[in-house]
Structures are given as structure tokens and as C-alpha cells.
């Protein structure tokens, strides 16, 4: 079994900015498998954000607030493979 928590800032010079991230719930899983639980919150420019919620060790949900007004503008469910691509 494993768990992972993290927080920090990533500078993205090609995009002219940076994002801050923090683990809201530890990522947890077993062996070499992708996590089966956890949540990551990412905040960018003008309050825009993405909340990544683990649904299973094969799927994650992305809730995106593009304009930073606190309302989710788009929700997408993708596989870990798609997210890693």
C-alpha cells in the first residue's frame, strides 16, 4: 500500500505563468497500480482552478473553473492513461 501528499508551485515559462497545487486528500493505492483514491487542487491565473478527484485506479474526474468565479464550467472523466498522455 502507498499514500502520497504534495503541495507546491510549478512555473510554466512557455505559458507565461505558474500554478499552485495541493493535495486535499492523500492519493492512495496498492502496488504498482495507479491510485484508487485522492484529490488534487490546482489554482492558476485569475483564480482559475482544476480539481482532480480519483474515482478508481482506472479513472479520474476533472472539474474545471476557467474564469475563477467558483462555478464549475466543465467536468470531464478520463482514464489515468489519458491523463498521463
PDB file of N, CA and C in Angstrom:
ATOM      1  N   UNK A   1       0.845  -1.185   0.000  1.00  0.00           N
ATOM      2  CA  UNK A   1       0.000   0.000   0.000  1.00  0.00           C
ATOM      3  C   UNK A   1       0.886   1.243   0.000  1.00  0.00           C
ATOM      4  N   UNK A   2       0.385   2.318  -0.583  1.00  0.00           N
ATOM      5  CA  UNK A   2       1.120   3.581  -0.572  1.00  0.00           C
ATOM      6  C   UNK A   2       0.149   4.740  -0.422  1.00  0.00           C
ATOM      7  N   UNK A   3       0.666   5.866   0.064  1.00  0.00           N
ATOM      8  CA  UNK A   3      -0.060   7.132   0.099  1.00  0.00           C
ATOM      9  C   UNK A   3       0.900   8.234  -0.327  1.00  0.00           C
ATOM     10  N   UNK A   4       0.333   9.313  -0.868  1.00  0.00           N
ATOM     11  CA  UNK A   4       1.139  10.426  -1.350  1.00  0.00           C
ATOM     12  C   UNK A   4       0.386  11.721  -1.112  1.00  0.00           C
ATOM     13  N   UNK A   5       1.077  12.694  -0.534  1.00  0.00           N
ATOM     14  CA  UNK A   5       0.558  14.050  -0.432  1.00  0.00           C
ATOM     15  C   UNK A   5       1.630  14.983  -0.962  1.00  0.00           C
ATOM     16  N   UNK A   6       1.204  16.134  -1.485  1.00  0.00           N
ATOM     17  CA  UNK A   6       2.169  17.089  -2.025  1.00  0.00           C
ATOM     18  C   UNK A   6       1.516  18.461  -2.123  1.00  0.00           C
ATOM     19  N   UNK A   7       2.357  19.470  -2.150  1.00  0.00           N
ATOM     20  CA  UNK A   7       1.894  20.828  -2.439  1.00  0.00           C
ATOM     21  C   UNK A   7       3.085  21.601  -2.972  1.00  0.00           C
ATOM     22  N   UNK A   8       2.804  22.643  -3.731  1.00  0.00           N
ATOM     23  CA  UNK A   8       3.896  23.433  -4.272  1.00  0.00           C
ATOM     24  C   UNK A   8       3.458  24.335  -5.397  1.00  0.00           C
ATOM     25  N   UNK A   9       4.436  24.776  -6.148  1.00  0.00           N
ATOM     26  CA  UNK A   9       4.214  25.692  -7.260  1.00  0.00           C
ATOM     27  C   UNK A   9       5.028  25.197  -8.449  1.00  0.00           C
ATOM     28  N   UNK A  10       4.428  25.256  -9.628  1.00  0.00           N
ATOM     29  CA  UNK A  10       5.127  24.887 -10.849  1.00  0.00           C
ATOM     30  C   UNK A  10       5.120  26.098 -11.768  1.00  0.00           C
ATOM     31  N   UNK A  11       6.306  26.559 -12.135  1.00  0.00           N
ATOM     32  CA  UNK A  11       6.425  27.648 -13.100  1.00  0.00           C
ATOM     33  C   UNK A  11       6.339  27.071 -14.503  1.00  0.00           C
ATOM     34  N   UNK A  12       5.582  27.751 -15.374  1.00  0.00           N
ATOM     35  CA  UNK A  12       5.392  27.295 -16.742  1.00  0.00           C
ATOM     36  C   UNK A  12       5.776  28.452 -17.669  1.00  0.00           C
ATOM     37  N   UNK A  13       7.083  28.630 -17.911  1.00  0.00           N
ATOM     38  CA  UNK A  13       7.543  29.766 -18.708  1.00  0.00           C
ATOM     39  C   UNK A  13       6.924  29.843 -20.103  1.00  0.00           C
ATOM     40  N   UNK A  14       6.682  28.696 -20.726  1.00  0.00           N
ATOM     41  CA  UNK A  14       6.110  28.702 -22.080  1.00  0.00           C
ATOM     42  C   UNK A  14       4.697  29.284 -22.102  1.00  0.00           C
ATOM     43  N   UNK A  15       4.022  29.252 -20.944  1.00  0.00           N
ATOM     44  CA  UNK A  15       2.668  29.796 -20.843  1.00  0.00           C
ATOM     45  C   UNK A  15       2.655  31.149 -20.131  1.00  0.00           C
ATOM     46  N   UNK A  16       3.824  31.591 -19.684  1.00  0.00           N
ATOM     47  CA  UNK A  16       3.929  32.893 -19.044  1.00  0.00           C
ATOM     48  C   UNK A  16       3.344  32.964 -17.648  1.00  0.00           C
ATOM     49  N   UNK A  17       3.362  31.862 -16.910  1.00  0.00           N
ATOM     50  CA  UNK A  17       2.796  31.901 -15.567  1.00  0.00           C
ATOM     51  C   UNK A  17       3.189  30.713 -14.732  1.00  0.00           C
ATOM     52  N   UNK A  18       2.379  30.448 -13.741  1.00  0.00           N
ATOM     53  CA  UNK A  18       2.631  29.334 -12.837  1.00  0.00           C
ATOM     54  C   UNK A  18       1.304  28.844 -12.274  1.00  0.00           C
ATOM     55  N   UNK A  19       1.339  27.678 -11.641  1.00  0.00           N
ATOM     56  CA  UNK A  19       0.181  27.132 -10.940  1.00  0.00           C
ATOM     57  C   UNK A  19       0.631  26.672  -9.562  1.00  0.00           C
ATOM     58  N   UNK A  20      -0.285  26.756  -8.619  1.00  0.00           N
ATOM     59  CA  UNK A  20      -0.074  26.218  -7.279  1.00  0.00           C
ATOM     60  C   UNK A  20      -0.931  24.970  -7.147  1.00  0.00           C
ATOM     61  N   UNK A  21      -0.438  23.979  -6.423  1.00  0.00           N
ATOM     62  CA  UNK A  21      -1.197  22.743  -6.250  1.00  0.00           C
ATOM     63  C   UNK A  21      -1.090  22.268  -4.817  1.00  0.00           C
ATOM     64  N   UNK A  22      -2.118  21.572  -4.379  1.00  0.00           N
ATOM     65  CA  UNK A  22      -2.111  20.967  -3.053  1.00  0.00           C
ATOM     66  C   UNK A  22      -2.996  19.725  -3.046  1.00  0.00           C
ATOM     67  N   UNK A  23      -2.588  18.749  -2.298  1.00  0.00           N
ATOM     68  CA  UNK A  23      -3.364  17.529  -2.139  1.00  0.00           C
ATOM     69  C   UNK A  23      -4.415  17.775  -1.065  1.00  0.00           C
ATOM     70  N   UNK A  24      -5.675  17.655  -1.437  1.00  0.00           N
ATOM     71  CA  UNK A  24      -6.759  17.826  -0.465  1.00  0.00           C
ATOM     72  C   UNK A  24      -7.084  16.529   0.262  1.00  0.00           C
ATOM     73  N   UNK A  25      -6.852  15.416  -0.408  1.00  0.00           N
ATOM     74  CA  UNK A  25      -6.999  14.086   0.191  1.00  0.00           C
ATOM     75  C   UNK A  25      -5.847  13.255  -0.348  1.00  0.00           C
ATOM     76  N   UNK A  26      -5.155  12.522   0.506  1.00  0.00           N
ATOM     77  CA  UNK A  26      -3.986  11.761   0.051  1.00  0.00           C
ATOM     78  C   UNK A  26      -4.325  10.801  -1.084  1.00  0.00           C
ATOM     79  N   UNK A  27      -3.409  10.704  -2.034  1.00  0.00           N
ATOM     80  CA  UNK A  27      -3.514   9.695  -3.076  1.00  0.00           C
ATOM     81  C   UNK A  27      -3.079   8.380  -2.454  1.00  0.00           C
ATOM     82  N   UNK A  28      -3.872   7.333  -2.657  1.00  0.00           N
ATOM     83  CA  UNK A  28      -3.571   6.038  -2.060  1.00  0.00           C
ATOM     84  C   UNK A  28      -3.865   4.936  -3.062  1.00  0.00           C
ATOM     85  N   UNK A  29      -3.090   3.872  -2.957  1.00  0.00           N
ATOM     86  CA  UNK A  29      -3.281   2.734  -3.837  1.00  0.00           C
ATOM     87  C   UNK A  29      -2.457   1.555  -3.359  1.00  0.00           C
ATOM     88  N   UNK A  30      -2.351   0.552  -4.217  1.00  0.00           N
ATOM     89  CA  UNK A  30      -1.634  -0.669  -3.871  1.00  0.00           C
ATOM     90  C   UNK A  30      -0.674  -1.052  -4.980  1.00  0.00           C
ATOM     91  N   UNK A  31       0.511  -1.460  -4.596  1.00  0.00           N
ATOM     92  CA  UNK A  31       1.496  -1.956  -5.555  1.00  0.00           C
ATOM     93  C   UNK A  31       1.857  -0.927  -6.605  1.00  0.00           C
ATOM     94  N   UNK A  32       1.961  -1.394  -7.851  1.00  0.00           N
ATOM     95  CA  UNK A  32       2.311  -0.518  -8.970  1.00  0.00           C
ATOM     96  C   UNK A  32       1.095   0.114  -9.630  1.00  0.00           C
ATOM     97  N   UNK A  33      -0.104  -0.163  -9.101  1.00  0.00           N
ATOM     98  CA  UNK A  33      -1.331   0.358  -9.712  1.00  0.00           C
ATOM     99  C   UNK A  33      -1.456   1.862  -9.472  1.00  0.00           C
ATOM    100  N   UNK A  34      -2.190   2.537 -10.360  1.00  0.00           N
ATOM    101  CA  UNK A  34      -2.494   3.946 -10.149  1.00  0.00           C
ATOM    102  C   UNK A  34      -3.328   4.088  -8.876  1.00  0.00           C
ATOM    103  N   UNK A  35      -3.338   5.273  -8.289  1.00  0.00           N
ATOM    104  CA  UNK A  35      -4.119   5.474  -7.061  1.00  0.00           C
ATOM    105  C   UNK A  35      -5.593   5.162  -7.256  1.00  0.00           C
ATOM    106  N   UNK A  36      -6.253   4.688  -6.178  1.00  0.00           N
ATOM    107  CA  UNK A  36      -7.689   4.444  -6.229  1.00  0.00           C
ATOM    108  C   UNK A  36      -8.471   5.433  -5.368  1.00  0.00           C
ATOM    109  N   UNK A  37      -7.769   6.398  -4.767  1.00  0.00           N
ATOM    110  CA  UNK A  37      -8.426   7.471  -4.036  1.00  0.00           C
ATOM    111  C   UNK A  37      -7.477   8.665  -3.964  1.00  0.00           C
ATOM    112  N   UNK A  38      -8.042   9.833  -3.727  1.00  0.00           N
ATOM    113  CA  UNK A  38      -7.251  11.045  -3.578  1.00  0.00           C
ATOM    114  C   UNK A  38      -7.868  12.218  -4.323  1.00  0.00           C
ATOM    115  N   UNK A  39      -7.416  13.418  -3.945  1.00  0.00           N
ATOM    116  CA  UNK A  39      -7.898  14.632  -4.608  1.00  0.00           C
ATOM    117  C   UNK A  39      -6.787  15.678  -4.639  1.00  0.00           C
ATOM    118  N   UNK A  40      -6.631  16.308  -5.798  1.00  0.00           N
ATOM    119  CA  UNK A  40      -5.621  17.343  -6.010  1.00  0.00           C
ATOM    120  C   UNK A  40      -6.316  18.607  -6.487  1.00  0.00           C
ATOM    121  N   UNK A  41      -5.936  19.748  -5.884  1.00  0.00           N
ATOM    122  CA  UNK A  41      -6.497  21.037  -6.282  1.00  0.00           C
ATOM    123  C   UNK A  41      -5.388  21.876  -6.902  1.00  0.00           C
ATOM    124  N   UNK A  42      -5.661  22.428  -8.092  1.00  0.00           N
ATOM    125  CA  UNK A  42      -4.684  23.235  -8.832  1.00  0.00           C
ATOM    126  C   UNK A  42      -5.300  24.602  -9.089  1.00  0.00           C
ATOM    127  N   UNK A  43      -4.559  25.668  -8.737  1.00  0.00           N
ATOM    128  CA  UNK A  43      -5.039  27.030  -8.984  1.00  0.00           C
ATOM    129  C   UNK A  43      -4.048  27.754  -9.873  1.00  0.00           C
ATOM    130  N   UNK A  44      -4.591  28.409 -10.898  1.00  0.00           N
ATOM    131  CA  UNK A  44      -3.768  29.158 -11.840  1.00  0.00           C
ATOM    132  C   UNK A  44      -4.122  30.629 -11.840  1.00  0.00           C
ATOM    133  N   UNK A  45      -3.889  31.268 -12.963  1.00  0.00           N
ATOM    134  CA  UNK A  45      -4.098  32.710 -13.118  1.00  0.00           C
ATOM    135  C   UNK A  45      -5.566  33.086 -12.936  1.00  0.00           C
ATOM    136  N   UNK A  46      -5.784  34.246 -12.368  1.00  0.00           N
ATOM    137  CA  UNK A  46      -7.124  34.817 -12.196  1.00  0.00           C
ATOM    138  C   UNK A  46      -8.081  33.903 -11.440  1.00  0.00           C
ATOM    139  N   UNK A  47      -7.549  33.023 -10.589  1.00  0.00           N
ATOM    140  CA  UNK A  47      -8.388  32.150  -9.780  1.00  0.00           C
ATOM    141  C   UNK A  47      -8.904  30.921 -10.485  1.00  0.00           C
ATOM    142  N   UNK A  48      -8.534  30.727 -11.756  1.00  0.00           N
ATOM    143  CA  UNK A  48      -8.949  29.517 -12.471  1.00  0.00           C
ATOM    144  C   UNK A  48      -8.432  28.293 -11.715  1.00  0.00           C
ATOM    145  N   UNK A  49      -9.198  27.203 -11.748  1.00  0.00           N
ATOM    146  CA  UNK A  49      -8.790  26.027 -10.986  1.00  0.00           C
ATOM    147  C   UNK A  49      -9.231  24.727 -11.646  1.00  0.00           C
ATOM    148  N   UNK A  50      -8.548  23.676 -11.237  1.00  0.00           N
ATOM    149  CA  UNK A  50      -8.909  22.313 -11.614  1.00  0.00           C
ATOM    150  C   UNK A  50      -8.873  21.480 -10.348  1.00  0.00           C
ATOM    151  N   UNK A  51      -9.936  20.721 -10.109  1.00  0.00           N
ATOM    152  CA  UNK A  51      -9.938  19.747  -9.025  1.00  0.00           C
ATOM    153  C   UNK A  51      -9.909  18.372  -9.665  1.00  0.00           C
ATOM    154  N   UNK A  52      -8.874  17.606  -9.352  1.00  0.00           N
ATOM    155  CA  UNK A  52      -8.714  16.253  -9.864  1.00  0.00           C
ATOM    156  C   UNK A  52      -9.111  15.303  -8.748  1.00  0.00           C
ATOM    157  N   UNK A  53     -10.175  14.538  -8.964  1.00  0.00           N
ATOM    158  CA  UNK A  53     -10.663  13.578  -7.979  1.00  0.00           C
ATOM    159  C   UNK A  53     -10.516  12.167  -8.537  1.00  0.00           C
ATOM    160  N   UNK A  54      -9.875  11.304  -7.780  1.00  0.00           N
ATOM    161  CA  UNK A  54      -9.700   9.917  -8.200  1.00  0.00           C
ATOM    162  C   UNK A  54     -11.016   9.173  -8.001  1.00  0.00           C
ATOM    163  N   UNK A  55     -11.509   8.565  -9.061  1.00  0.00           N
ATOM    164  CA  UNK A  55     -12.730   7.763  -8.993  1.00  0.00           C
ATOM    165  C   UNK A  55     -12.412   6.290  -8.762  1.00  0.00           C
ATOM    166  N   UNK A  56     -11.310   5.825  -9.349  1.00  0.00           N
ATOM    167  CA  UNK A  56     -10.875   4.434  -9.218  1.00  0.00           C
ATOM    168  C   UNK A  56      -9.418   4.364  -9.675  1.00  0.00           C
ATOM    169  N   UNK A  57      -8.848   3.184  -9.651  1.00  0.00           N
ATOM    170  CA  UNK A  57      -7.461   3.085 -10.127  1.00  0.00           C
ATOM    171  C   UNK A  57      -7.372   3.094 -11.647  1.00  0.00           C
ATOM    172  N   UNK A  58      -8.515   3.355 -12.318  1.00  0.00           N
ATOM    173  CA  UNK A  58      -8.504   3.498 -13.772  1.00  0.00           C
ATOM    174  C   UNK A  58      -9.056   4.843 -14.246  1.00  0.00           C
ATOM    175  N   UNK A  59      -9.813   5.570 -13.386  1.00  0.00           N
ATOM    176  CA  UNK A  59     -10.447   6.813 -13.829  1.00  0.00           C
ATOM    177  C   UNK A  59     -10.271   7.962 -12.833  1.00  0.00           C
ATOM    178  N   UNK A  60     -10.188   9.181 -13.396  1.00  0.00           N
ATOM    179  CA  UNK A  60     -10.157  10.402 -12.593  1.00  0.00           C
ATOM    180  C   UNK A  60     -11.172  11.389 -13.173  1.00  0.00           C
ATOM    181  N   UNK A  61     -11.683  12.244 -12.302  1.00  0.00           N
ATOM    182  CA  UNK A  61     -12.621  13.282 -12.718  1.00  0.00           C
ATOM    183  C   UNK A  61     -11.929  14.634 -12.594  1.00  0.00           C
ATOM    184  N   UNK A  62     -12.062  15.465 -13.617  1.00  0.00           N
ATOM    185  CA  UNK A  62     -11.511  16.812 -13.616  1.00  0.00           C
ATOM    186  C   UNK A  62     -12.669  17.800 -13.610  1.00  0.00           C
ATOM    187  N   UNK A  63     -12.723  18.648 -12.590  1.00  0.00           N
ATOM    188  CA  UNK A  63     -13.723  19.709 -12.515  1.00  0.00           C
ATOM    189  C   UNK A  63     -12.978  21.020 -12.731  1.00  0.00           C
ATOM    190  N   UNK A  64     -13.358  21.749 -13.789  1.00  0.00           N
ATOM    191  CA  UNK A  64     -12.602  22.934 -14.189  1.00  0.00           C
ATOM    192  C   UNK A  64     -13.434  24.201 -14.060  1.00  0.00           C
ATOM    193  N   UNK A  65     -12.842  25.186 -13.407  1.00  0.00           N
ATOM    194  CA  UNK A  65     -13.416  26.534 -13.280  1.00  0.00           C
ATOM    195  C   UNK A  65     -12.487  27.447 -14.062  1.00  0.00           C
ATOM    196  N   UNK A  66     -12.851  27.768 -15.277  1.00  0.00           N
ATOM    197  CA  UNK A  66     -11.966  28.515 -16.176  1.00  0.00           C
ATOM    198  C   UNK A  66     -11.811  29.984 -15.807  1.00  0.00           C
ATOM    199  N   UNK A  67     -12.870  30.586 -15.261  1.00  0.00           N
ATOM    200  CA  UNK A  67     -12.820  32.027 -15.009  1.00  0.00           C
ATOM    201  C   UNK A  67     -12.644  32.397 -13.540  1.00  0.00           C
ATOM    202  N   UNK A  68     -12.512  31.411 -12.669  1.00  0.00           N
ATOM    203  CA  UNK A  68     -12.235  31.677 -11.262  1.00  0.00           C
ATOM    204  C   UNK A  68     -13.407  32.219 -10.472  1.00  0.00           C
ATOM    205  N   UNK A  69     -14.638  32.023 -10.962  1.00  0.00           N
ATOM    206  CA  UNK A  69     -15.805  32.544 -10.248  1.00  0.00           C
ATOM    207  C   UNK A  69     -16.382  31.553  -9.240  1.00  0.00           C
ATOM    208  N   UNK A  70     -15.752  30.391  -9.077  1.00  0.00           N
ATOM    209  CA  UNK A  70     -16.214  29.397  -8.115  1.00  0.00           C
ATOM    210  C   UNK A  70     -17.237  28.418  -8.647  1.00  0.00           C
ATOM    211  N   UNK A  71     -17.635  28.587  -9.901  1.00  0.00           N
ATOM    212  CA  UNK A  71     -18.598  27.690 -10.538  1.00  0.00           C
ATOM    213  C   UNK A  71     -17.861  26.767 -11.500  1.00  0.00           C
ATOM    214  N   UNK A  72     -18.154  25.474 -11.425  1.00  0.00           N
ATOM    215  CA  UNK A  72     -17.528  24.505 -12.314  1.00  0.00           C
ATOM    216  C   UNK A  72     -18.060  24.719 -13.729  1.00  0.00           C
ATOM    217  N   UNK A  73     -17.140  24.995 -14.664  1.00  0.00           N
ATOM    218  CA  UNK A  73     -17.513  25.228 -16.059  1.00  0.00           C
ATOM    219  C   UNK A  73     -17.558  23.950 -16.883  1.00  0.00           C
ATOM    220  N   UNK A  74     -16.759  22.975 -16.488  1.00  0.00           N
ATOM    221  CA  UNK A  74     -16.707  21.726 -17.250  1.00  0.00           C
ATOM    222  C   UNK A  74     -16.238  20.601 -16.344  1.00  0.00           C
ATOM    223  N   UNK A  75     -16.851  19.439 -16.506  1.00  0.00           N
ATOM    224  CA  UNK A  75     -16.441  18.225 -15.799  1.00  0.00           C
ATOM    225  C   UNK A  75     -16.123  17.165 -16.837  1.00  0.00           C
ATOM    226  N   UNK A  76     -14.964  16.545 -16.695  1.00  0.00           N
ATOM    227  CA  UNK A  76     -14.518  15.532 -17.642  1.00  0.00           C
ATOM    228  C   UNK A  76     -14.024  14.326 -16.846  1.00  0.00           C
ATOM    229  N   UNK A  77     -14.379  13.143 -17.276  1.00  0.00           N
ATOM    230  CA  UNK A  77     -13.850  11.908 -16.692  1.00  0.00           C
ATOM    231  C   UNK A  77     -12.923  11.281 -17.709  1.00  0.00           C
ATOM    232  N   UNK A  78     -11.696  11.016 -17.285  1.00  0.00           N
ATOM    233  CA  UNK A  78     -10.681  10.422 -18.157  1.00  0.00           C
ATOM    234  C   UNK A  78     -10.019   9.254 -17.433  1.00  0.00           C
ATOM    235  N   UNK A  79      -9.341   8.429 -18.202  1.00  0.00           N
ATOM    236  CA  UNK A  79      -8.578   7.343 -17.598  1.00  0.00           C
ATOM    237  C   UNK A  79      -7.217   7.881 -17.155  1.00  0.00           C
ATOM    238  N   UNK A  80      -6.556   7.160 -16.275  1.00  0.00           N
ATOM    239  CA  UNK A  80      -5.194   7.539 -15.885  1.00  0.00           C
ATOM    240  C   UNK A  80      -4.287   7.540 -17.109  1.00  0.00           C
ATOM    241  N   UNK A  81      -4.497   6.595 -18.026  1.00  0.00           N
ATOM    242  CA  UNK A  81      -3.685   6.532 -19.248  1.00  0.00           C
ATOM    243  C   UNK A  81      -3.846   7.800 -20.052  1.00  0.00           C
ATOM    244  N   UNK A  82      -5.080   8.274 -20.231  1.00  0.00           N
ATOM    245  CA  UNK A  82      -5.319   9.519 -20.948  1.00  0.00           C
ATOM    246  C   UNK A  82      -4.699  10.706 -20.239  1.00  0.00           C
ATOM    247  N   UNK A  83      -4.786  10.732 -18.924  1.00  0.00           N
ATOM    248  CA  UNK A  83      -4.215  11.839 -18.144  1.00  0.00           C
ATOM    249  C   UNK A  83      -2.701  11.862 -18.255  1.00  0.00           C
ATOM    250  N   UNK A  84      -2.077  10.699 -18.286  1.00  0.00           N
ATOM    251  CA  UNK A  84      -0.610  10.605 -18.379  1.00  0.00           C
ATOM    252  C   UNK A  84      -0.081  10.965 -19.769  1.00  0.00           C
ATOM    253  N   UNK A  85      -0.955  10.931 -20.780  1.00  0.00           N
ATOM    254  CA  UNK A  85      -0.514  11.167 -22.160  1.00  0.00           C
ATOM    255  C   UNK A  85      -0.148  12.627 -22.418  1.00  0.00           C
TER     256      UNK A  85
END
